[in-house]
Amino acid sequence: MSQIKQRLLEAIERTPEPLLEQILAFLEFLTSRTQTAIVPDFDSDFDSDTDSNDQILADLKASLHQASSGQTFPISELWDGI
């Protein structure tokens, strides 16, 4: 088993059950996208001159809080209008 798969399995074991369904839906979305299109460049929104580590960490904490408190959107609506 590759190291990345092992790390994913370990992360899954530590993940709260309510988040697992959302994570699975996102992985399935990514898998379907990579089979039909070029993998998106997730780094394209990052600007090392303006995005500090503190801001990135704050954004990540806010996102995790929203997810854990149920402030989510259906995965099918996340890319509407893009």
PDB file of N, CA and C in Angstrom:
ATOM      1  N   MET A   1       0.850  -1.170   0.000  1.00  0.00           N
ATOM      2  CA  MET A   1       0.000   0.000   0.000  1.00  0.00           C
ATOM      3  C   MET A   1       0.897   1.235   0.000  1.00  0.00           C
ATOM      4  N   SER A   2       0.528   2.226  -0.808  1.00  0.00           N
ATOM      5  CA  SER A   2       1.342   3.431  -0.890  1.00  0.00           C
ATOM      6  C   SER A   2       1.219   4.246   0.402  1.00  0.00           C
ATOM      7  N   GLN A   3       2.185   5.109   0.607  1.00  0.00           N
ATOM      8  CA  GLN A   3       2.194   5.942   1.806  1.00  0.00           C
ATOM      9  C   GLN A   3       0.987   6.878   1.825  1.00  0.00           C
ATOM     10  N   ILE A   4       0.617   7.400   0.682  1.00  0.00           N
ATOM     11  CA  ILE A   4      -0.518   8.321   0.632  1.00  0.00           C
ATOM     12  C   ILE A   4      -1.826   7.610   0.986  1.00  0.00           C
ATOM     13  N   LYS A   5      -1.994   6.361   0.511  1.00  0.00           N
ATOM     14  CA  LYS A   5      -3.192   5.605   0.864  1.00  0.00           C
ATOM     15  C   LYS A   5      -3.218   5.299   2.352  1.00  0.00           C
ATOM     16  N   GLN A   6      -2.069   4.978   2.901  1.00  0.00           N
ATOM     17  CA  GLN A   6      -1.990   4.701   4.327  1.00  0.00           C
ATOM     18  C   GLN A   6      -2.363   5.940   5.136  1.00  0.00           C
ATOM     19  N   ARG A   7      -1.860   7.102   4.721  1.00  0.00           N
ATOM     20  CA  ARG A   7      -2.187   8.358   5.413  1.00  0.00           C
ATOM     21  C   ARG A   7      -3.674   8.678   5.299  1.00  0.00           C
ATOM     22  N   LEU A   8      -4.258   8.407   4.125  1.00  0.00           N
ATOM     23  CA  LEU A   8      -5.692   8.631   3.958  1.00  0.00           C
ATOM     24  C   LEU A   8      -6.501   7.737   4.899  1.00  0.00           C
ATOM     25  N   LEU A   9      -6.131   6.476   4.971  1.00  0.00           N
ATOM     26  CA  LEU A   9      -6.839   5.554   5.867  1.00  0.00           C
ATOM     27  C   LEU A   9      -6.724   5.991   7.322  1.00  0.00           C
ATOM     28  N   GLU A  10      -5.554   6.452   7.721  1.00  0.00           N
ATOM     29  CA  GLU A  10      -5.366   6.934   9.093  1.00  0.00           C
ATOM     30  C   GLU A  10      -6.210   8.174   9.355  1.00  0.00           C
ATOM     31  N   ALA A  11      -6.277   9.072   8.374  1.00  0.00           N
ATOM     32  CA  ALA A  11      -7.089  10.282   8.521  1.00  0.00           C
ATOM     33  C   ALA A  11      -8.571   9.932   8.616  1.00  0.00           C
ATOM     34  N   ILE A  12      -8.997   8.950   7.841  1.00  0.00           N
ATOM     35  CA  ILE A  12     -10.396   8.511   7.884  1.00  0.00           C
ATOM     36  C   ILE A  12     -10.734   7.979   9.269  1.00  0.00           C
ATOM     37  N   GLU A  13      -9.827   7.240   9.855  1.00  0.00           N
ATOM     38  CA  GLU A  13     -10.060   6.687  11.193  1.00  0.00           C
ATOM     39  C   GLU A  13     -10.234   7.794  12.240  1.00  0.00           C
ATOM     40  N   ARG A  14      -9.579   8.935  12.027  1.00  0.00           N
ATOM     41  CA  ARG A  14      -9.669  10.047  12.996  1.00  0.00           C
ATOM     42  C   ARG A  14     -10.823  11.005  12.696  1.00  0.00           C
ATOM     43  N   THR A  15     -11.481  10.834  11.569  1.00  0.00           N
ATOM     44  CA  THR A  15     -12.517  11.769  11.131  1.00  0.00           C
ATOM     45  C   THR A  15     -13.852  11.456  11.793  1.00  0.00           C
ATOM     46  N   PRO A  16     -14.522  12.487  12.317  1.00  0.00           N
ATOM     47  CA  PRO A  16     -15.849  12.262  12.912  1.00  0.00           C
ATOM     48  C   PRO A  16     -16.831  11.729  11.867  1.00  0.00           C
ATOM     49  N   GLU A  17     -17.661  10.823  12.279  1.00  0.00           N
ATOM     50  CA  GLU A  17     -18.608  10.157  11.381  1.00  0.00           C
ATOM     51  C   GLU A  17     -19.449  11.122  10.546  1.00  0.00           C
ATOM     52  N   PRO A  18     -19.959  12.214  11.111  1.00  0.00           N
ATOM     53  CA  PRO A  18     -20.799  13.114  10.294  1.00  0.00           C
ATOM     54  C   PRO A  18     -20.064  13.717   9.086  1.00  0.00           C
ATOM     55  N   LEU A  19     -18.753  13.836   9.158  1.00  0.00           N
ATOM     56  CA  LEU A  19     -18.005  14.419   8.051  1.00  0.00           C
ATOM     57  C   LEU A  19     -17.658  13.402   6.968  1.00  0.00           C
ATOM     58  N   LEU A  20     -17.703  12.123   7.298  1.00  0.00           N
ATOM     59  CA  LEU A  20     -17.290  11.096   6.343  1.00  0.00           C
ATOM     60  C   LEU A  20     -18.143  11.086   5.075  1.00  0.00           C
ATOM     61  N   GLU A  21     -19.454  11.302   5.216  1.00  0.00           N
ATOM     62  CA  GLU A  21     -20.319  11.310   4.031  1.00  0.00           C
ATOM     63  C   GLU A  21     -19.958  12.471   3.101  1.00  0.00           C
ATOM     64  N   GLN A  22     -19.672  13.626   3.670  1.00  0.00           N
ATOM     65  CA  GLN A  22     -19.291  14.784   2.860  1.00  0.00           C
ATOM     66  C   GLN A  22     -17.946  14.563   2.179  1.00  0.00           C
ATOM     67  N   ILE A  23     -17.028  13.976   2.899  1.00  0.00           N
ATOM     68  CA  ILE A  23     -15.710  13.690   2.330  1.00  0.00           C
ATOM     69  C   ILE A  23     -15.839  12.683   1.193  1.00  0.00           C
ATOM     70  N   LEU A  24     -16.649  11.662   1.395  1.00  0.00           N
ATOM     71  CA  LEU A  24     -16.864  10.668   0.344  1.00  0.00           C
ATOM     72  C   LEU A  24     -17.471  11.309  -0.900  1.00  0.00           C
ATOM     73  N   ALA A  25     -18.460  12.165  -0.716  1.00  0.00           N
ATOM     74  CA  ALA A  25     -19.084  12.834  -1.859  1.00  0.00           C
ATOM     75  C   ALA A  25     -18.054  13.687  -2.605  1.00  0.00           C
ATOM     76  N   PHE A  26     -17.196  14.354  -1.873  1.00  0.00           N
ATOM     77  CA  PHE A  26     -16.177  15.188  -2.512  1.00  0.00           C
ATOM     78  C   PHE A  26     -15.168  14.328  -3.273  1.00  0.00           C
ATOM     79  N   LEU A  27     -14.737  13.226  -2.689  1.00  0.00           N
ATOM     80  CA  LEU A  27     -13.809  12.329  -3.379  1.00  0.00           C
ATOM     81  C   LEU A  27     -14.438  11.753  -4.650  1.00  0.00           C
ATOM     82  N   GLU A  28     -15.708  11.384  -4.559  1.00  0.00           N
ATOM     83  CA  GLU A  28     -16.390  10.873  -5.749  1.00  0.00           C
ATOM     84  C   GLU A  28     -16.485  11.956  -6.824  1.00  0.00           C
ATOM     85  N   PHE A  29     -16.734  13.194  -6.403  1.00  0.00           N
ATOM     86  CA  PHE A  29     -16.770  14.303  -7.347  1.00  0.00           C
ATOM     87  C   PHE A  29     -15.409  14.462  -8.021  1.00  0.00           C
ATOM     88  N   LEU A  30     -14.344  14.478  -7.234  1.00  0.00           N
ATOM     89  CA  LEU A  30     -13.006  14.625  -7.805  1.00  0.00           C
ATOM     90  C   LEU A  30     -12.681  13.496  -8.762  1.00  0.00           C
ATOM     91  N   THR A  31     -13.042  12.287  -8.395  1.00  0.00           N
ATOM     92  CA  THR A  31     -12.779  11.135  -9.244  1.00  0.00           C
ATOM     93  C   THR A  31     -13.513  11.263 -10.571  1.00  0.00           C
ATOM     94  N   SER A  32     -14.761  11.673 -10.527  1.00  0.00           N
ATOM     95  CA  SER A  32     -15.516  11.812 -11.773  1.00  0.00           C
ATOM     96  C   SER A  32     -14.956  12.946 -12.623  1.00  0.00           C
ATOM     97  N   ARG A  33     -14.487  14.014 -12.001  1.00  0.00           N
ATOM     98  CA  ARG A  33     -13.917  15.141 -12.750  1.00  0.00           C
ATOM     99  C   ARG A  33     -12.601  14.754 -13.408  1.00  0.00           C
ATOM    100  N   THR A  34     -11.774  14.014 -12.721  1.00  0.00           N
ATOM    101  CA  THR A  34     -10.470  13.668 -13.292  1.00  0.00           C
ATOM    102  C   THR A  34     -10.606  12.667 -14.421  1.00  0.00           C
ATOM    103  N   GLN A  35     -11.708  11.932 -14.447  1.00  0.00           N
ATOM    104  CA  GLN A  35     -11.931  10.991 -15.537  1.00  0.00           C
ATOM    105  C   GLN A  35     -12.450  11.690 -16.787  1.00  0.00           C
ATOM    106  N   THR A  36     -13.045  12.880 -16.619  1.00  0.00           N
ATOM    107  CA  THR A  36     -13.660  13.556 -17.758  1.00  0.00           C
ATOM    108  C   THR A  36     -13.027  14.896 -18.096  1.00  0.00           C
ATOM    109  N   ALA A  37     -12.170  15.397 -17.228  1.00  0.00           N
ATOM    110  CA  ALA A  37     -11.580  16.718 -17.471  1.00  0.00           C
ATOM    111  C   ALA A  37     -10.193  16.793 -16.858  1.00  0.00           C
ATOM    112  N   ILE A  38      -9.520  17.851 -17.150  1.00  0.00           N
ATOM    113  CA  ILE A  38      -8.201  18.094 -16.569  1.00  0.00           C
ATOM    114  C   ILE A  38      -8.376  18.404 -15.091  1.00  0.00           C
ATOM    115  N   VAL A  39      -7.477  17.912 -14.271  1.00  0.00           N
ATOM    116  CA  VAL A  39      -7.527  18.168 -12.843  1.00  0.00           C
ATOM    117  C   VAL A  39      -7.404  19.666 -12.609  1.00  0.00           C
ATOM    118  N   PRO A  40      -8.299  20.256 -11.813  1.00  0.00           N
ATOM    119  CA  PRO A  40      -8.216  21.693 -11.571  1.00  0.00           C
ATOM    120  C   PRO A  40      -6.948  22.065 -10.822  1.00  0.00           C
ATOM    121  N   ASP A  41      -6.493  23.269 -11.045  1.00  0.00           N
ATOM    122  CA  ASP A  41      -5.304  23.777 -10.367  1.00  0.00           C
ATOM    123  C   ASP A  41      -5.731  24.453  -9.069  1.00  0.00           C
ATOM    124  N   PHE A  42      -5.685  23.703  -7.962  1.00  0.00           N
ATOM    125  CA  PHE A  42      -6.132  24.233  -6.687  1.00  0.00           C
ATOM    126  C   PHE A  42      -5.232  25.345  -6.165  1.00  0.00           C
ATOM    127  N   ASP A  43      -4.007  25.439  -6.667  1.00  0.00           N
ATOM    128  CA  ASP A  43      -3.090  26.475  -6.219  1.00  0.00           C
ATOM    129  C   ASP A  43      -3.320  27.804  -6.935  1.00  0.00           C
ATOM    130  N   SER A  44      -4.196  27.844  -7.922  1.00  0.00           N
ATOM    131  CA  SER A  44      -4.363  29.063  -8.709  1.00  0.00           C
ATOM    132  C   SER A  44      -4.919  30.212  -7.886  1.00  0.00           C
ATOM    133  N   ASP A  45      -5.648  29.936  -6.794  1.00  0.00           N
ATOM    134  CA  ASP A  45      -6.190  30.995  -5.953  1.00  0.00           C
ATOM    135  C   ASP A  45      -5.195  31.464  -4.893  1.00  0.00           C
ATOM    136  N   PHE A  46      -4.097  30.796  -4.760  1.00  0.00           N
ATOM    137  CA  PHE A  46      -3.125  31.129  -3.730  1.00  0.00           C
ATOM    138  C   PHE A  46      -2.130  32.156  -4.245  1.00  0.00           C
ATOM    139  N   ASP A  47      -1.948  33.211  -3.491  1.00  0.00           N
ATOM    140  CA  ASP A  47      -0.975  34.249  -3.819  1.00  0.00           C
ATOM    141  C   ASP A  47      -0.057  34.398  -2.618  1.00  0.00           C
ATOM    142  N   SER A  48       1.166  33.939  -2.740  1.00  0.00           N
ATOM    143  CA  SER A  48       2.083  33.935  -1.596  1.00  0.00           C
ATOM    144  C   SER A  48       2.406  35.344  -1.108  1.00  0.00           C
ATOM    145  N   ASP A  49       2.178  36.356  -1.943  1.00  0.00           N
ATOM    146  CA  ASP A  49       2.433  37.725  -1.511  1.00  0.00           C
ATOM    147  C   ASP A  49       1.331  38.269  -0.607  1.00  0.00           C
ATOM    148  N   THR A  50       0.110  37.804  -0.802  1.00  0.00           N
ATOM    149  CA  THR A  50      -1.008  38.347  -0.028  1.00  0.00           C
ATOM    150  C   THR A  50      -1.650  37.343   0.922  1.00  0.00           C
ATOM    151  N   ASP A  51      -1.457  36.070   0.708  1.00  0.00           N
ATOM    152  CA  ASP A  51      -2.072  35.040   1.545  1.00  0.00           C
ATOM    153  C   ASP A  51      -1.070  34.568   2.590  1.00  0.00           C
ATOM    154  N   SER A  52      -1.207  35.073   3.798  1.00  0.00           N
ATOM    155  CA  SER A  52      -0.282  34.680   4.858  1.00  0.00           C
ATOM    156  C   SER A  52      -0.688  33.329   5.430  1.00  0.00           C
ATOM    157  N   ASN A  53       0.252  32.687   6.093  1.00  0.00           N
ATOM    158  CA  ASN A  53      -0.057  31.408   6.743  1.00  0.00           C
ATOM    159  C   ASN A  53      -1.141  31.591   7.793  1.00  0.00           C
ATOM    160  N   ASP A  54      -1.110  32.721   8.508  1.00  0.00           N
ATOM    161  CA  ASP A  54      -2.127  32.980   9.531  1.00  0.00           C
ATOM    162  C   ASP A  54      -3.515  33.091   8.908  1.00  0.00           C
ATOM    163  N   GLN A  55      -3.607  33.769   7.760  1.00  0.00           N
ATOM    164  CA  GLN A  55      -4.904  33.918   7.088  1.00  0.00           C
ATOM    165  C   GLN A  55      -5.396  32.575   6.568  1.00  0.00           C
ATOM    166  N   ILE A  56      -4.495  31.793   6.006  1.00  0.00           N
ATOM    167  CA  ILE A  56      -4.868  30.472   5.494  1.00  0.00           C
ATOM    168  C   ILE A  56      -5.362  29.592   6.632  1.00  0.00           C
ATOM    169  N   LEU A  57      -4.662  29.609   7.762  1.00  0.00           N
ATOM    170  CA  LEU A  57      -5.065  28.828   8.926  1.00  0.00           C
ATOM    171  C   LEU A  57      -6.417  29.293   9.450  1.00  0.00           C
ATOM    172  N   ALA A  58      -6.634  30.602   9.506  1.00  0.00           N
ATOM    173  CA  ALA A  58      -7.922  31.139   9.968  1.00  0.00           C
ATOM    174  C   ALA A  58      -9.047  30.709   9.039  1.00  0.00           C
ATOM    175  N   ASP A  59      -8.803  30.763   7.729  1.00  0.00           N
ATOM    176  CA  ASP A  59      -9.818  30.326   6.762  1.00  0.00           C
ATOM    177  C   ASP A  59     -10.125  28.838   6.913  1.00  0.00           C
ATOM    178  N   LEU A  60      -9.083  28.040   7.118  1.00  0.00           N
ATOM    179  CA  LEU A  60      -9.276  26.601   7.291  1.00  0.00           C
ATOM    180  C   LEU A  60     -10.071  26.309   8.565  1.00  0.00           C
ATOM    181  N   LYS A  61      -9.735  26.985   9.660  1.00  0.00           N
ATOM    182  CA  LYS A  61     -10.472  26.789  10.915  1.00  0.00           C
ATOM    183  C   LYS A  61     -11.934  27.179  10.748  1.00  0.00           C
ATOM    184  N   ALA A  62     -12.192  28.287  10.048  1.00  0.00           N
ATOM    185  CA  ALA A  62     -13.572  28.713   9.821  1.00  0.00           C
ATOM    186  C   ALA A  62     -14.316  27.680   8.983  1.00  0.00           C
ATOM    187  N   SER A  63     -13.659  27.152   7.970  1.00  0.00           N
ATOM    188  CA  SER A  63     -14.287  26.139   7.115  1.00  0.00           C
ATOM    189  C   SER A  63     -14.601  24.873   7.905  1.00  0.00           C
ATOM    190  N   LEU A  64     -13.668  24.432   8.733  1.00  0.00           N
ATOM    191  CA  LEU A  64     -13.899  23.230   9.537  1.00  0.00           C
ATOM    192  C   LEU A  64     -15.032  23.447  10.529  1.00  0.00           C
ATOM    193  N   HIS A  65     -15.089  24.649  11.112  1.00  0.00           N
ATOM    194  CA  HIS A  65     -16.182  24.961  12.040  1.00  0.00           C
ATOM    195  C   HIS A  65     -17.524  24.922  11.318  1.00  0.00           C
ATOM    196  N   GLN A  66     -17.580  25.521  10.131  1.00  0.00           N
ATOM    197  CA  GLN A  66     -18.823  25.511   9.362  1.00  0.00           C
ATOM    198  C   GLN A  66     -19.243  24.077   9.034  1.00  0.00           C
ATOM    199  N   ALA A  67     -18.300  23.269   8.621  1.00  0.00           N
ATOM    200  CA  ALA A  67     -18.618  21.884   8.280  1.00  0.00           C
ATOM    201  C   ALA A  67     -19.097  21.104   9.496  1.00  0.00           C
ATOM    202  N   SER A  68     -18.422  21.268  10.622  1.00  0.00           N
ATOM    203  CA  SER A  68     -18.784  20.494  11.810  1.00  0.00           C
ATOM    204  C   SER A  68     -20.093  20.964  12.430  1.00  0.00           C
ATOM    205  N   SER A  69     -20.489  22.221  12.174  1.00  0.00           N
ATOM    206  CA  SER A  69     -21.748  22.719  12.727  1.00  0.00           C
ATOM    207  C   SER A  69     -22.907  22.595  11.746  1.00  0.00           C
ATOM    208  N   GLY A  70     -22.661  21.926  10.606  1.00  0.00           N
ATOM    209  CA  GLY A  70     -23.727  21.672   9.655  1.00  0.00           C
ATOM    210  C   GLY A  70     -24.018  22.805   8.693  1.00  0.00           C
ATOM    211  N   GLN A  71     -23.169  23.811   8.672  1.00  0.00           N
ATOM    212  CA  GLN A  71     -23.360  24.940   7.757  1.00  0.00           C
ATOM    213  C   GLN A  71     -22.746  24.581   6.400  1.00  0.00           C
ATOM    214  N   THR A  72     -23.431  23.697   5.703  1.00  0.00           N
ATOM    215  CA  THR A  72     -22.902  23.180   4.444  1.00  0.00           C
ATOM    216  C   THR A  72     -23.917  23.351   3.323  1.00  0.00           C
ATOM    217  N   PHE A  73     -23.453  23.150   2.114  1.00  0.00           N
ATOM    218  CA  PHE A  73     -24.300  23.167   0.929  1.00  0.00           C
ATOM    219  C   PHE A  73     -24.255  21.775   0.307  1.00  0.00           C
ATOM    220  N   PRO A  74     -25.330  21.378  -0.355  1.00  0.00           N
ATOM    221  CA  PRO A  74     -25.263  20.095  -1.078  1.00  0.00           C
ATOM    222  C   PRO A  74     -24.125  20.138  -2.099  1.00  0.00           C
ATOM    223  N   ILE A  75     -23.410  19.062  -2.221  1.00  0.00           N
ATOM    224  CA  ILE A  75     -22.255  19.010  -3.127  1.00  0.00           C
ATOM    225  C   ILE A  75     -22.664  19.354  -4.553  1.00  0.00           C
ATOM    226  N   SER A  76     -23.892  19.047  -4.908  1.00  0.00           N
ATOM    227  CA  SER A  76     -24.342  19.322  -6.279  1.00  0.00           C
ATOM    228  C   SER A  76     -24.490  20.809  -6.558  1.00  0.00           C
ATOM    229  N   GLU A  77     -24.530  21.648  -5.510  1.00  0.00           N
ATOM    230  CA  GLU A  77     -24.700  23.093  -5.699  1.00  0.00           C
ATOM    231  C   GLU A  77     -23.410  23.888  -5.566  1.00  0.00           C
ATOM    232  N   LEU A  78     -22.333  23.241  -5.171  1.00  0.00           N
ATOM    233  CA  LEU A  78     -21.107  23.975  -4.871  1.00  0.00           C
ATOM    234  C   LEU A  78     -20.522  24.702  -6.079  1.00  0.00           C
ATOM    235  N   TRP A  79     -20.699  24.164  -7.265  1.00  0.00           N
ATOM    236  CA  TRP A  79     -20.091  24.781  -8.434  1.00  0.00           C
ATOM    237  C   TRP A  79     -21.118  25.440  -9.355  1.00  0.00           C
ATOM    238  N   ASP A  80     -22.338  25.647  -8.873  1.00  0.00           N
ATOM    239  CA  ASP A  80     -23.353  26.344  -9.669  1.00  0.00           C
ATOM    240  C   ASP A  80     -22.868  27.755  -9.959  1.00  0.00           C
ATOM    241  N   GLY A  81     -22.982  28.152 -11.204  1.00  0.00           N
ATOM    242  CA  GLY A  81     -22.623  29.506 -11.587  1.00  0.00           C
ATOM    243  C   GLY A  81     -21.155  29.710 -11.903  1.00  0.00           C
ATOM    244  N   ILE A  82     -20.358  28.676 -11.781  1.00  0.00           N
ATOM    245  CA  ILE A  82     -18.927  28.830 -12.085  1.00  0.00           C
ATOM    246  C   ILE A  82     -18.697  28.518 -13.546  1.00  0.00           C
TER     247      ILE A  82
END
